[in-house]
């Protein structure tokens, strides 16, 4: 592998939006920074906006939530999401 090749998956940031890419031009999550009077809020969602991951006070927390969602989907891709984003195998905390 050439040292000039870009590694995937990875995060890229452009202006107020960070995207998690699994390949060139293949974003699956995005985090939008929304400026508020008291600071910023970070809105994490699937790139196609079909699945809201959540609202966070820091970009780091938003990225961690996306990472957990990515792992969950890869462990059981056939699991359907039911109410409040919980999959049937998940327990309420």
PDB file of N, CA and C in Angstrom:
ATOM      1  N   UNK A   1       0.839  -1.181   0.000  1.00  0.00           N
ATOM      2  CA  UNK A   1       0.000   0.000   0.000  1.00  0.00           C
ATOM      3  C   UNK A   1       0.882   1.242   0.000  1.00  0.00           C
ATOM      4  N   UNK A   2       0.599   2.128  -0.853  1.00  0.00           N
ATOM      5  CA  UNK A   2       1.356   3.374  -0.954  1.00  0.00           C
ATOM      6  C   UNK A   2       1.044   4.266   0.245  1.00  0.00           C
ATOM      7  N   UNK A   3       2.018   5.015   0.691  1.00  0.00           N
ATOM      8  CA  UNK A   3       1.795   5.934   1.811  1.00  0.00           C
ATOM      9  C   UNK A   3       0.940   7.122   1.387  1.00  0.00           C
ATOM     10  N   UNK A   4       0.732   7.309   0.081  1.00  0.00           N
ATOM     11  CA  UNK A   4      -0.107   8.402  -0.411  1.00  0.00           C
ATOM     12  C   UNK A   4      -1.584   8.039  -0.451  1.00  0.00           C
ATOM     13  N   UNK A   5      -1.914   6.735  -0.312  1.00  0.00           N
ATOM     14  CA  UNK A   5      -3.310   6.327  -0.339  1.00  0.00           C
ATOM     15  C   UNK A   5      -3.990   6.734   0.962  1.00  0.00           C
ATOM     16  N   UNK A   6      -5.245   7.105   0.857  1.00  0.00           N
ATOM     17  CA  UNK A   6      -6.006   7.529   2.021  1.00  0.00           C
ATOM     18  C   UNK A   6      -6.643   6.317   2.691  1.00  0.00           C
ATOM     19  N   UNK A   7      -6.582   6.271   4.013  1.00  0.00           N
ATOM     20  CA  UNK A   7      -7.139   5.155   4.764  1.00  0.00           C
ATOM     21  C   UNK A   7      -8.628   5.363   5.030  1.00  0.00           C
ATOM     22  N   UNK A   8      -9.383   4.292   4.935  1.00  0.00           N
ATOM     23  CA  UNK A   8     -10.810   4.305   5.231  1.00  0.00           C
ATOM     24  C   UNK A   8     -11.104   3.189   6.214  1.00  0.00           C
ATOM     25  N   UNK A   9     -12.086   3.318   7.057  1.00  0.00           N
ATOM     26  CA  UNK A   9     -12.986   4.452   7.230  1.00  0.00           C
ATOM     27  C   UNK A   9     -12.290   5.608   7.932  1.00  0.00           C
ATOM     28  N   UNK A  10     -12.844   6.809   7.744  1.00  0.00           N
ATOM     29  CA  UNK A  10     -12.266   7.993   8.376  1.00  0.00           C
ATOM     30  C   UNK A  10     -13.276   9.136   8.405  1.00  0.00           C
ATOM     31  N   UNK A  11     -12.955  10.140   9.217  1.00  0.00           N
ATOM     32  CA  UNK A  11     -13.764  11.356   9.315  1.00  0.00           C
ATOM     33  C   UNK A  11     -13.114  12.451   8.488  1.00  0.00           C
ATOM     34  N   UNK A  12     -13.938  13.234   7.788  1.00  0.00           N
ATOM     35  CA  UNK A  12     -13.490  14.428   7.070  1.00  0.00           C
ATOM     36  C   UNK A  12     -14.377  15.582   7.483  1.00  0.00           C
ATOM     37  N   UNK A  13     -13.783  16.752   7.652  1.00  0.00           N
ATOM     38  CA  UNK A  13     -14.566  17.926   8.038  1.00  0.00           C
ATOM     39  C   UNK A  13     -14.440  19.001   6.969  1.00  0.00           C
ATOM     40  N   UNK A  14     -15.583  19.592   6.612  1.00  0.00           N
ATOM     41  CA  UNK A  14     -15.623  20.704   5.664  1.00  0.00           C
ATOM     42  C   UNK A  14     -16.604  21.727   6.220  1.00  0.00           C
ATOM     43  N   UNK A  15     -16.104  22.914   6.518  1.00  0.00           N
ATOM     44  CA  UNK A  15     -16.902  23.970   7.146  1.00  0.00           C
ATOM     45  C   UNK A  15     -17.504  23.465   8.456  1.00  0.00           C
ATOM     46  N   UNK A  16     -18.836  23.450   8.544  1.00  0.00           N
ATOM     47  CA  UNK A  16     -19.500  23.047   9.784  1.00  0.00           C
ATOM     48  C   UNK A  16     -20.043  21.621   9.737  1.00  0.00           C
ATOM     49  N   UNK A  17     -19.584  20.810   8.797  1.00  0.00           N
ATOM     50  CA  UNK A  17     -20.081  19.443   8.653  1.00  0.00           C
ATOM     51  C   UNK A  17     -18.912  18.462   8.627  1.00  0.00           C
ATOM     52  N   UNK A  18     -19.005  17.426   9.478  1.00  0.00           N
ATOM     53  CA  UNK A  18     -18.058  16.314   9.456  1.00  0.00           C
ATOM     54  C   UNK A  18     -18.765  15.111   8.857  1.00  0.00           C
ATOM     55  N   UNK A  19     -18.058  14.345   8.055  1.00  0.00           N
ATOM     56  CA  UNK A  19     -18.635  13.151   7.444  1.00  0.00           C
ATOM     57  C   UNK A  19     -17.748  11.954   7.720  1.00  0.00           C
ATOM     58  N   UNK A  20     -18.411  10.809   8.023  1.00  0.00           N
ATOM     59  CA  UNK A  20     -17.717   9.544   8.223  1.00  0.00           C
ATOM     60  C   UNK A  20     -17.808   8.773   6.916  1.00  0.00           C
ATOM     61  N   UNK A  21     -16.663   8.525   6.313  1.00  0.00           N
ATOM     62  CA  UNK A  21     -16.628   7.854   5.008  1.00  0.00           C
ATOM     63  C   UNK A  21     -16.063   6.448   5.150  1.00  0.00           C
ATOM     64  N   UNK A  22     -16.694   5.496   4.450  1.00  0.00           N
ATOM     65  CA  UNK A  22     -16.167   4.139   4.432  1.00  0.00           C
ATOM     66  C   UNK A  22     -15.382   3.863   3.153  1.00  0.00           C
ATOM     67  N   UNK A  23     -15.381   4.811   2.261  1.00  0.00           N
ATOM     68  CA  UNK A  23     -14.632   4.734   1.014  1.00  0.00           C
ATOM     69  C   UNK A  23     -14.702   6.082   0.324  1.00  0.00           C
ATOM     70  N   UNK A  24     -13.979   6.242  -0.783  1.00  0.00           N
ATOM     71  CA  UNK A  24     -14.036   7.520  -1.500  1.00  0.00           C
ATOM     72  C   UNK A  24     -15.478   7.850  -1.891  1.00  0.00           C
ATOM     73  N   UNK A  25     -15.935   9.009  -1.515  1.00  0.00           N
ATOM     74  CA  UNK A  25     -17.292   9.485  -1.823  1.00  0.00           C
ATOM     75  C   UNK A  25     -18.389   8.568  -1.282  1.00  0.00           C
ATOM     76  N   UNK A  26     -18.122   7.861  -0.172  1.00  0.00           N
ATOM     77  CA  UNK A  26     -19.129   6.990   0.433  1.00  0.00           C
ATOM     78  C   UNK A  26     -19.369   7.369   1.894  1.00  0.00           C
ATOM     79  N   UNK A  27     -20.010   8.533   2.129  1.00  0.00           N
ATOM     80  CA  UNK A  27     -20.303   8.918   3.514  1.00  0.00           C
ATOM     81  C   UNK A  27     -21.503   8.146   4.052  1.00  0.00           C
ATOM     82  N   UNK A  28     -21.431   7.725   5.319  1.00  0.00           N
ATOM     83  CA  UNK A  28     -22.585   7.051   5.908  1.00  0.00           C
ATOM     84  C   UNK A  28     -23.145   7.819   7.110  1.00  0.00           C
ATOM     85  N   UNK A  29     -22.340   8.684   7.716  1.00  0.00           N
ATOM     86  CA  UNK A  29     -22.811   9.541   8.807  1.00  0.00           C
ATOM     87  C   UNK A  29     -22.354  10.962   8.557  1.00  0.00           C
ATOM     88  N   UNK A  30     -23.105  11.902   9.097  1.00  0.00           N
ATOM     89  CA  UNK A  30     -22.646  13.278   9.070  1.00  0.00           C
ATOM     90  C   UNK A  30     -23.020  13.961  10.371  1.00  0.00           C
ATOM     91  N   UNK A  31     -22.169  14.882  10.775  1.00  0.00           N
ATOM     92  CA  UNK A  31     -22.386  15.662  11.987  1.00  0.00           C
ATOM     93  C   UNK A  31     -22.373  17.122  11.579  1.00  0.00           C
ATOM     94  N   UNK A  32     -23.470  17.795  11.841  1.00  0.00           N
ATOM     95  CA  UNK A  32     -23.587  19.212  11.491  1.00  0.00           C
ATOM     96  C   UNK A  32     -23.449  20.049  12.753  1.00  0.00           C
ATOM     97  N   UNK A  33     -22.551  21.017  12.713  1.00  0.00           N
ATOM     98  CA  UNK A  33     -22.372  21.933  13.835  1.00  0.00           C
ATOM     99  C   UNK A  33     -23.355  23.083  13.683  1.00  0.00           C
ATOM    100  N   UNK A  34     -24.153  23.300  14.716  1.00  0.00           N
ATOM    101  CA  UNK A  34     -25.138  24.380  14.703  1.00  0.00           C
ATOM    102  C   UNK A  34     -24.715  25.381  15.774  1.00  0.00           C
ATOM    103  N   UNK A  35     -24.432  26.603  15.336  1.00  0.00           N
ATOM    104  CA  UNK A  35     -24.000  27.654  16.264  1.00  0.00           C
ATOM    105  C   UNK A  35     -25.193  28.169  17.055  1.00  0.00           C
ATOM    106  N   UNK A  36     -25.043  28.202  18.381  1.00  0.00           N
ATOM    107  CA  UNK A  36     -26.060  28.737  19.274  1.00  0.00           C
ATOM    108  C   UNK A  36     -25.431  29.849  20.110  1.00  0.00           C
ATOM    109  N   UNK A  37     -26.235  30.618  20.811  1.00  0.00           N
ATOM    110  CA  UNK A  37     -25.723  31.723  21.621  1.00  0.00           C
ATOM    111  C   UNK A  37     -24.734  31.229  22.676  1.00  0.00           C
ATOM    112  N   UNK A  38     -25.045  30.126  23.365  1.00  0.00           N
ATOM    113  CA  UNK A  38     -24.185  29.627  24.435  1.00  0.00           C
ATOM    114  C   UNK A  38     -23.080  28.696  23.972  1.00  0.00           C
ATOM    115  N   UNK A  39     -22.959  28.430  22.702  1.00  0.00           N
ATOM    116  CA  UNK A  39     -21.961  27.497  22.169  1.00  0.00           C
ATOM    117  C   UNK A  39     -22.539  26.760  20.980  1.00  0.00           C
ATOM    118  N   UNK A  40     -21.958  25.645  20.666  1.00  0.00           N
ATOM    119  CA  UNK A  40     -22.419  24.869  19.512  1.00  0.00           C
ATOM    120  C   UNK A  40     -23.173  23.623  19.952  1.00  0.00           C
ATOM    121  N   UNK A  41     -24.056  23.164  19.073  1.00  0.00           N
ATOM    122  CA  UNK A  41     -24.731  21.886  19.218  1.00  0.00           C
ATOM    123  C   UNK A  41     -24.347  21.072  17.987  1.00  0.00           C
ATOM    124  N   UNK A  42     -24.189  19.782  18.162  1.00  0.00           N
ATOM    125  CA  UNK A  42     -23.788  18.917  17.063  1.00  0.00           C
ATOM    126  C   UNK A  42     -24.901  17.909  16.807  1.00  0.00           C
ATOM    127  N   UNK A  43     -25.431  17.920  15.592  1.00  0.00           N
ATOM    128  CA  UNK A  43     -26.530  17.059  15.187  1.00  0.00           C
ATOM    129  C   UNK A  43     -25.961  15.933  14.329  1.00  0.00           C
ATOM    130  N   UNK A  44     -26.066  14.703  14.832  1.00  0.00           N
ATOM    131  CA  UNK A  44     -25.530  13.540  14.126  1.00  0.00           C
ATOM    132  C   UNK A  44     -26.662  12.764  13.471  1.00  0.00           C
ATOM    133  N   UNK A  45     -26.452  12.369  12.218  1.00  0.00           N
ATOM    134  CA  UNK A  45     -27.471  11.603  11.497  1.00  0.00           C
ATOM    135  C   UNK A  45     -26.807  10.739  10.433  1.00  0.00           C
ATOM    136  N   UNK A  46     -27.593   9.816   9.902  1.00  0.00           N
ATOM    137  CA  UNK A  46     -27.138   9.074   8.731  1.00  0.00           C
ATOM    138  C   UNK A  46     -27.012  10.078   7.594  1.00  0.00           C
ATOM    139  N   UNK A  47     -26.114   9.846   6.678  1.00  0.00           N
ATOM    140  CA  UNK A  47     -25.874  10.807   5.600  1.00  0.00           C
ATOM    141  C   UNK A  47     -27.101  11.074   4.751  1.00  0.00           C
ATOM    142  N   UNK A  48     -27.977  10.093   4.623  1.00  0.00           N
ATOM    143  CA  UNK A  48     -29.184  10.305   3.826  1.00  0.00           C
ATOM    144  C   UNK A  48     -30.317  10.902   4.666  1.00  0.00           C
ATOM    145  N   UNK A  49     -30.009  11.286   5.914  1.00  0.00           N
ATOM    146  CA  UNK A  49     -30.958  11.929   6.833  1.00  0.00           C
ATOM    147  C   UNK A  49     -32.107  11.018   7.246  1.00  0.00           C
ATOM    148  N   UNK A  50     -32.019   9.704   6.954  1.00  0.00           N
ATOM    149  CA  UNK A  50     -33.103   8.792   7.289  1.00  0.00           C
ATOM    150  C   UNK A  50     -33.098   8.391   8.761  1.00  0.00           C
ATOM    151  N   UNK A  51     -31.962   8.543   9.427  1.00  0.00           N
ATOM    152  CA  UNK A  51     -31.836   8.081  10.806  1.00  0.00           C
ATOM    153  C   UNK A  51     -31.105   9.130  11.632  1.00  0.00           C
ATOM    154  N   UNK A  52     -31.822   9.757  12.552  1.00  0.00           N
ATOM    155  CA  UNK A  52     -31.204  10.716  13.458  1.00  0.00           C
ATOM    156  C   UNK A  52     -30.505   9.952  14.570  1.00  0.00           C
ATOM    157  N   UNK A  53     -29.226  10.206  14.763  1.00  0.00           N
ATOM    158  CA  UNK A  53     -28.469   9.552  15.822  1.00  0.00           C
ATOM    159  C   UNK A  53     -28.670  10.307  17.131  1.00  0.00           C
ATOM    160  N   UNK A  54     -28.620  11.647  17.095  1.00  0.00           N
ATOM    161  CA  UNK A  54     -28.868  12.435  18.282  1.00  0.00           C
ATOM    162  C   UNK A  54     -28.273  13.824  18.215  1.00  0.00           C
ATOM    163  N   UNK A  55     -28.490  14.586  19.303  1.00  0.00           N
ATOM    164  CA  UNK A  55     -27.931  15.930  19.457  1.00  0.00           C
ATOM    165  C   UNK A  55     -26.905  15.869  20.578  1.00  0.00           C
ATOM    166  N   UNK A  56     -25.767  16.534  20.384  1.00  0.00           N
ATOM    167  CA  UNK A  56     -24.675  16.432  21.340  1.00  0.00           C
ATOM    168  C   UNK A  56     -24.038  17.784  21.602  1.00  0.00           C
ATOM    169  N   UNK A  57     -23.409  17.900  22.773  1.00  0.00           N
ATOM    170  CA  UNK A  57     -22.734  19.138  23.144  1.00  0.00           C
ATOM    171  C   UNK A  57     -21.332  19.224  22.570  1.00  0.00           C
ATOM    172  N   UNK A  58     -20.780  18.090  22.129  1.00  0.00           N
ATOM    173  CA  UNK A  58     -19.437  18.118  21.544  1.00  0.00           C
ATOM    174  C   UNK A  58     -19.389  17.229  20.306  1.00  0.00           C
ATOM    175  N   UNK A  59     -18.498  17.579  19.412  1.00  0.00           N
ATOM    176  CA  UNK A  59     -18.325  16.771  18.203  1.00  0.00           C
ATOM    177  C   UNK A  59     -17.783  15.391  18.560  1.00  0.00           C
ATOM    178  N   UNK A  60     -16.944  15.341  19.577  1.00  0.00           N
ATOM    179  CA  UNK A  60     -16.374  14.063  20.021  1.00  0.00           C
ATOM    180  C   UNK A  60     -17.480  13.099  20.441  1.00  0.00           C
ATOM    181  N   UNK A  61     -18.446  13.578  21.246  1.00  0.00           N
ATOM    182  CA  UNK A  61     -19.554  12.722  21.678  1.00  0.00           C
ATOM    183  C   UNK A  61     -20.410  12.283  20.497  1.00  0.00           C
ATOM    184  N   UNK A  62     -20.620  13.173  19.543  1.00  0.00           N
ATOM    185  CA  UNK A  62     -21.402  12.829  18.351  1.00  0.00           C
ATOM    186  C   UNK A  62     -20.692  11.743  17.542  1.00  0.00           C
ATOM    187  N   UNK A  63     -19.378  11.853  17.404  1.00  0.00           N
ATOM    188  CA  UNK A  63     -18.606  10.841  16.667  1.00  0.00           C
ATOM    189  C   UNK A  63     -18.663   9.489  17.375  1.00  0.00           C
ATOM    190  N   UNK A  64     -18.585   9.498  18.696  1.00  0.00           N
ATOM    191  CA  UNK A  64     -18.674   8.250  19.461  1.00  0.00           C
ATOM    192  C   UNK A  64     -20.031   7.581  19.268  1.00  0.00           C
ATOM    193  N   UNK A  65     -21.098   8.369  19.236  1.00  0.00           N
ATOM    194  CA  UNK A  65     -22.438   7.820  19.027  1.00  0.00           C
ATOM    195  C   UNK A  65     -22.559   7.202  17.632  1.00  0.00           C
ATOM    196  N   UNK A  66     -21.993   7.856  16.639  1.00  0.00           N
ATOM    197  CA  UNK A  66     -22.003   7.312  15.275  1.00  0.00           C
ATOM    198  C   UNK A  66     -21.204   6.008  15.222  1.00  0.00           C
ATOM    199  N   UNK A  67     -20.097   5.996  15.923  1.00  0.00           N
ATOM    200  CA  UNK A  67     -19.253   4.790  15.964  1.00  0.00           C
ATOM    201  C   UNK A  67     -20.031   3.621  16.570  1.00  0.00           C
ATOM    202  N   UNK A  68     -20.746   3.873  17.687  1.00  0.00           N
ATOM    203  CA  UNK A  68     -21.547   2.813  18.316  1.00  0.00           C
ATOM    204  C   UNK A  68     -22.651   2.331  17.369  1.00  0.00           C
ATOM    205  N   UNK A  69     -23.304   3.270  16.673  1.00  0.00           N
ATOM    206  CA  UNK A  69     -24.352   2.906  15.731  1.00  0.00           C
ATOM    207  C   UNK A  69     -23.791   2.055  14.594  1.00  0.00           C
ATOM    208  N   UNK A  70     -22.624   2.428  14.095  1.00  0.00           N
ATOM    209  CA  UNK A  70     -21.960   1.689  13.013  1.00  0.00           C
ATOM    210  C   UNK A  70     -21.648   0.260  13.465  1.00  0.00           C
ATOM    211  N   UNK A  71     -21.120   0.109  14.676  1.00  0.00           N
ATOM    212  CA  UNK A  71     -20.789  -1.211  15.207  1.00  0.00           C
ATOM    213  C   UNK A  71     -22.052  -2.049  15.377  1.00  0.00           C
ATOM    214  N   UNK A  72     -23.095  -1.443  15.944  1.00  0.00           N
ATOM    215  CA  UNK A  72     -24.362  -2.159  16.129  1.00  0.00           C
ATOM    216  C   UNK A  72     -24.910  -2.677  14.805  1.00  0.00           C
ATOM    217  N   UNK A  73     -24.890  -1.842  13.787  1.00  0.00           N
ATOM    218  CA  UNK A  73     -25.423  -2.246  12.483  1.00  0.00           C
ATOM    219  C   UNK A  73     -24.580  -3.333  11.839  1.00  0.00           C
ATOM    220  N   UNK A  74     -23.277  -3.304  12.064  1.00  0.00           N
ATOM    221  CA  UNK A  74     -22.419  -4.331  11.483  1.00  0.00           C
ATOM    222  C   UNK A  74     -22.491  -5.647  12.240  1.00  0.00           C
ATOM    223  N   UNK A  75     -22.818  -5.618  13.535  1.00  0.00           N
ATOM    224  CA  UNK A  75     -22.963  -6.842  14.305  1.00  0.00           C
ATOM    225  C   UNK A  75     -24.243  -7.573  13.939  1.00  0.00           C
ATOM    226  N   UNK A  76     -25.308  -6.828  13.655  1.00  0.00           N
ATOM    227  CA  UNK A  76     -26.599  -7.430  13.347  1.00  0.00           C
ATOM    228  C   UNK A  76     -27.324  -6.594  12.296  1.00  0.00           C
ATOM    229  N   UNK A  77     -26.864  -6.667  11.028  1.00  0.00           N
ATOM    230  CA  UNK A  77     -27.457  -5.815   9.996  1.00  0.00           C
ATOM    231  C   UNK A  77     -28.925  -6.118   9.705  1.00  0.00           C
ATOM    232  N   UNK A  78     -29.423  -7.298  10.090  1.00  0.00           N
ATOM    233  CA  UNK A  78     -30.811  -7.648   9.823  1.00  0.00           C
ATOM    234  C   UNK A  78     -31.757  -7.132  10.899  1.00  0.00           C
ATOM    235  N   UNK A  79     -31.205  -6.674  12.020  1.00  0.00           N
ATOM    236  CA  UNK A  79     -32.064  -6.193  13.109  1.00  0.00           C
ATOM    237  C   UNK A  79     -32.779  -4.926  12.679  1.00  0.00           C
ATOM    238  N   UNK A  80     -34.072  -4.899  12.915  1.00  0.00           N
ATOM    239  CA  UNK A  80     -34.853  -3.716  12.582  1.00  0.00           C
ATOM    240  C   UNK A  80     -34.879  -2.778  13.777  1.00  0.00           C
ATOM    241  N   UNK A  81     -34.884  -1.511  13.498  1.00  0.00           N
ATOM    242  CA  UNK A  81     -34.979  -0.525  14.563  1.00  0.00           C
ATOM    243  C   UNK A  81     -36.440  -0.407  14.979  1.00  0.00           C
ATOM    244  N   UNK A  82     -36.657  -0.437  16.292  1.00  0.00           N
ATOM    245  CA  UNK A  82     -38.017  -0.282  16.819  1.00  0.00           C
ATOM    246  C   UNK A  82     -38.017   0.883  17.778  1.00  0.00           C
ATOM    247  N   UNK A  83     -39.092   1.625  17.880  1.00  0.00           N
ATOM    248  CA  UNK A  83     -39.251   2.788  18.732  1.00  0.00           C
ATOM    249  C   UNK A  83     -38.015   3.332  19.427  1.00  0.00           C
ATOM    250  N   UNK A  84     -37.792   4.608  19.324  1.00  0.00           N
ATOM    251  CA  UNK A  84     -36.711   5.346  19.966  1.00  0.00           C
ATOM    252  C   UNK A  84     -35.328   4.868  19.550  1.00  0.00           C
ATOM    253  N   UNK A  85     -35.216   4.226  18.403  1.00  0.00           N
ATOM    254  CA  UNK A  85     -33.911   3.826  17.894  1.00  0.00           C
ATOM    255  C   UNK A  85     -33.351   2.571  18.529  1.00  0.00           C
ATOM    256  N   UNK A  86     -34.147   1.866  19.347  1.00  0.00           N
ATOM    257  CA  UNK A  86     -33.669   0.642  19.977  1.00  0.00           C
ATOM    258  C   UNK A  86     -33.936  -0.549  19.070  1.00  0.00           C
ATOM    259  N   UNK A  87     -32.990  -1.444  19.036  1.00  0.00           N
ATOM    260  CA  UNK A  87     -33.186  -2.696  18.316  1.00  0.00           C
ATOM    261  C   UNK A  87     -33.728  -3.712  19.322  1.00  0.00           C
ATOM    262  N   UNK A  88     -34.440  -4.711  18.870  1.00  0.00           N
ATOM    263  CA  UNK A  88     -35.057  -5.661  19.811  1.00  0.00           C
ATOM    264  C   UNK A  88     -34.076  -6.292  20.792  1.00  0.00           C
ATOM    265  N   UNK A  89     -32.814  -6.464  20.432  1.00  0.00           N
ATOM    266  CA  UNK A  89     -31.854  -7.105  21.323  1.00  0.00           C
ATOM    267  C   UNK A  89     -31.281  -6.141  22.363  1.00  0.00           C
ATOM    268  N   UNK A  90     -31.545  -4.852  22.226  1.00  0.00           N
ATOM    269  CA  UNK A  90     -31.000  -3.872  23.165  1.00  0.00           C
ATOM    270  C   UNK A  90     -31.907  -3.737  24.373  1.00  0.00           C
ATOM    271  N   UNK A  91     -31.300  -3.530  25.517  1.00  0.00           N
ATOM    272  CA  UNK A  91     -32.058  -3.324  26.742  1.00  0.00           C
ATOM    273  C   UNK A  91     -32.127  -1.846  27.053  1.00  0.00           C
ATOM    274  N   UNK A  92     -33.220  -1.439  27.684  1.00  0.00           N
ATOM    275  CA  UNK A  92     -33.338  -0.056  28.140  1.00  0.00           C
ATOM    276  C   UNK A  92     -32.337   0.159  29.266  1.00  0.00           C
ATOM    277  N   UNK A  93     -31.694   1.316  29.276  1.00  0.00           N
ATOM    278  CA  UNK A  93     -30.708   1.598  30.328  1.00  0.00           C
ATOM    279  C   UNK A  93     -31.280   2.494  31.363  1.00  0.00           C
TER     280      UNK A  93
END
